[in-house]
Amino acid sequence: MRKKILLAGLIILMILPGGTSAFTVNSQEFKNVIKQLDMQGHADHEFSTCSIQKVYYDEVIEMLNGGMSEEEIIQSYVNEYGQAALRTPATDKSGWIAWGMPFVGLASGIAIVGVWLRKVKGKATDTFDIAEVKWESETEKEIAEKLFEEERMKHF
């Protein structure tokens, strides 16, 4: 009886997976960590040709199998590389600055262009103030109109 119980226990141990699960590239935890990392700008490269991605994948799998949680892995990369390690900035104070800088740059660019256009428009109206032509006599006006008409006919 004892041998049968021992043999049944051994078979069950062989059939059931081990107590510790080994993480792979297909595990959900691995995918959650990798999609958050920028991998020094190599996150969007093709995996088969990018050696940097392979290093990151190996490191993350090693850390997961070493018992680290997803948050601990992300935090270790942030500690090593700063916020640049992540694809998107964090939502703390430094993250708000990173999210807000593009909008500040856009607003300041619009303001600079607006001020420049006002300045250019102001100069244009000042330089093109033409006084209205006053004719001394009606005959002089008719002669000028005929000359203008003849010149216009030559060009058209």
Protein backbone atom coordinates (compact mmCIF):
# COMPACT_ATOMS: atom_id res chain seq x y z
CA MET A 1 0.00 0.00 0.00
CA ARG A 2 2.80 2.32 0.89
CA LYS A 3 4.50 1.74 -2.46
CA LYS A 4 1.27 2.49 -4.30
CA ILE A 5 0.81 5.81 -2.47
CA LEU A 6 4.44 6.73 -3.12
CA LEU A 7 4.13 5.79 -6.81
CA ALA A 8 0.86 7.74 -7.16
CA GLY A 9 2.45 10.78 -5.50
CA LEU A 10 5.44 10.59 -7.83
CA ILE A 11 3.20 10.40 -10.90
CA ILE A 12 1.16 13.37 -9.67
CA LEU A 13 4.36 15.38 -9.13
CA MET A 14 5.49 14.61 -12.67
CA ILE A 15 2.17 15.50 -14.23
CA LEU A 16 1.46 18.70 -12.31
CA PRO A 17 3.65 21.74 -12.98
CA GLY A 18 6.24 22.64 -10.44
CA GLY A 19 5.59 24.91 -7.46
CA THR A 20 7.37 27.81 -9.10
CA SER A 21 6.21 28.87 -12.51
CA ALA A 22 8.82 29.94 -14.99
CA PHE A 23 7.92 33.12 -16.87
CA THR A 24 8.31 33.19 -20.62
CA VAL A 25 7.91 35.72 -23.41
CA ASN A 26 4.27 34.67 -23.71
CA SER A 27 3.34 35.24 -20.06
CA GLN A 28 1.00 38.12 -19.30
CA GLU A 29 3.29 39.64 -16.65
CA PHE A 30 6.14 39.80 -19.14
CA LYS A 31 3.95 41.48 -21.76
CA ASN A 32 2.70 44.05 -19.21
CA VAL A 33 6.25 45.06 -18.30
CA ILE A 34 7.59 45.15 -21.87
CA LYS A 35 4.77 47.33 -23.21
CA GLN A 36 5.64 49.99 -20.60
CA LEU A 37 9.38 50.10 -21.34
CA ASP A 38 10.89 52.32 -24.04
CA MET A 39 14.05 50.19 -24.23
CA GLN A 40 16.26 53.21 -24.97
CA GLY A 41 14.24 54.05 -28.08
CA HIS A 42 14.28 50.50 -29.45
CA ALA A 43 10.76 49.48 -28.38
CA ASP A 44 9.31 49.80 -31.89
CA HIS A 45 12.16 48.03 -33.69
CA GLU A 46 11.89 44.55 -35.15
CA PHE A 47 12.78 42.00 -32.47
CA SER A 48 14.70 39.69 -34.78
CA THR A 49 17.18 42.41 -35.77
CA CYS A 50 17.43 44.50 -32.60
CA SER A 51 20.01 43.32 -30.08
CA ILE A 52 18.93 45.91 -27.47
CA GLN A 53 15.41 44.45 -27.35
CA LYS A 54 16.82 40.96 -26.86
CA VAL A 55 18.84 42.18 -23.88
CA TYR A 56 15.78 43.82 -22.33
CA TYR A 57 13.64 40.73 -22.88
CA ASP A 58 16.27 38.52 -21.23
CA GLU A 59 16.63 40.92 -18.28
CA VAL A 60 12.88 41.14 -17.70
CA ILE A 61 12.41 37.36 -17.85
CA GLU A 62 15.33 36.92 -15.46
CA MET A 63 13.86 39.46 -13.03
CA LEU A 64 10.39 37.87 -13.19
CA ASN A 65 11.85 34.40 -12.60
CA GLY A 66 13.92 35.89 -9.78
CA GLY A 67 10.71 36.79 -7.94
CA MET A 68 10.38 40.49 -8.70
CA SER A 69 6.91 41.92 -9.32
CA GLU A 70 5.96 44.00 -12.35
CA GLU A 71 6.07 47.23 -10.35
CA GLU A 72 9.50 46.41 -8.93
CA ILE A 73 10.90 45.75 -12.40
CA ILE A 74 9.48 49.01 -13.77
CA GLN A 75 10.81 50.90 -10.74
CA SER A 76 14.29 49.39 -11.17
CA TYR A 77 14.43 50.62 -14.78
CA VAL A 78 13.13 54.06 -13.72
CA ASN A 79 15.80 54.20 -10.99
CA GLU A 80 18.48 53.30 -13.54
CA TYR A 81 17.40 55.40 -16.55
CA GLY A 82 14.91 57.90 -15.11
CA GLN A 83 11.53 58.63 -16.68
CA ALA A 84 13.10 58.07 -20.11
CA ALA A 85 12.92 54.32 -19.42
CA LEU A 86 9.14 54.44 -19.86
CA ARG A 87 7.14 54.93 -23.04
CA THR A 88 4.79 57.37 -21.32
CA PRO A 89 5.73 59.73 -18.51
CA ALA A 90 4.46 59.06 -15.02
CA THR A 91 1.59 61.03 -13.53
CA ASP A 92 3.56 62.49 -10.62
CA LYS A 93 4.94 66.06 -10.62
CA SER A 94 7.77 65.36 -13.04
CA GLY A 95 5.36 63.48 -15.31
CA TRP A 96 2.99 66.45 -15.42
CA ILE A 97 5.88 68.60 -16.58
CA ALA A 98 6.67 66.10 -19.33
CA TRP A 99 3.02 66.00 -20.41
CA GLY A 100 2.65 69.79 -20.29
CA MET A 101 5.78 70.87 -22.14
CA PRO A 102 4.43 70.21 -25.66
CA PHE A 103 1.38 72.34 -24.91
CA VAL A 104 3.51 75.13 -23.47
CA GLY A 105 5.73 75.04 -26.55
CA LEU A 106 2.72 75.17 -28.86
CA ALA A 107 1.16 78.08 -26.98
CA SER A 108 4.40 80.07 -26.91
CA GLY A 109 4.94 79.43 -30.64
CA ILE A 110 1.46 80.70 -31.43
CA ALA A 111 2.08 83.79 -29.27
CA ILE A 112 5.39 84.54 -31.00
CA VAL A 113 3.84 84.19 -34.47
CA GLY A 114 0.92 86.41 -33.41
CA VAL A 115 3.21 89.17 -32.13
CA TRP A 116 5.34 88.93 -35.28
CA LEU A 117 2.28 89.18 -37.54
CA ARG A 118 1.03 92.25 -35.68
CA LYS A 119 4.42 93.88 -36.05
CA VAL A 120 4.58 93.09 -39.77
CA LYS A 121 1.00 94.25 -40.31
CA GLY A 122 1.70 97.48 -38.45
CA LYS A 123 4.75 98.22 -40.62
CA ALA A 124 2.86 97.38 -43.81
CA THR A 125 0.07 99.86 -43.13
CA ASP A 126 2.57 102.59 -42.26
CA THR A 127 4.63 102.22 -45.44
CA PHE A 128 1.70 101.96 -47.81
CA ASP A 129 -0.18 105.08 -46.79
CA ILE A 130 -0.62 106.71 -50.17
CA ALA A 131 -2.08 110.14 -50.26
CA GLU A 132 -5.03 110.54 -52.56
CA VAL A 133 -4.02 112.00 -55.92
CA LYS A 134 -5.43 115.48 -56.50
CA TRP A 135 -5.70 116.66 -60.07
CA GLU A 136 -5.09 120.32 -60.82
CA SER A 137 -7.47 120.32 -63.74
CA GLU A 138 -9.99 118.05 -65.40
CA THR A 139 -8.04 117.95 -68.68
CA GLU A 140 -4.91 116.70 -66.88
CA LYS A 141 -6.99 113.90 -65.37
CA GLU A 142 -8.40 112.92 -68.79
CA ILE A 143 -4.92 112.87 -70.37
CA ALA A 144 -3.62 110.62 -67.56
CA GLU A 145 -6.61 108.27 -67.93
CA LYS A 146 -6.02 107.98 -71.69
CA LEU A 147 -2.30 107.23 -71.13
CA PHE A 148 -3.16 104.56 -68.55
CA GLU A 149 -5.74 103.04 -70.90
CA GLU A 150 -3.23 102.91 -73.80
CA GLU A 151 -0.61 101.24 -71.59
CA ARG A 152 -3.14 98.76 -70.31
CA MET A 153 -4.15 97.87 -73.88
CA LYS A 154 -0.49 97.28 -74.80
CA HIS A 155 -0.08 94.72 -72.00
CA PHE A 156 -3.37 92.89 -72.56
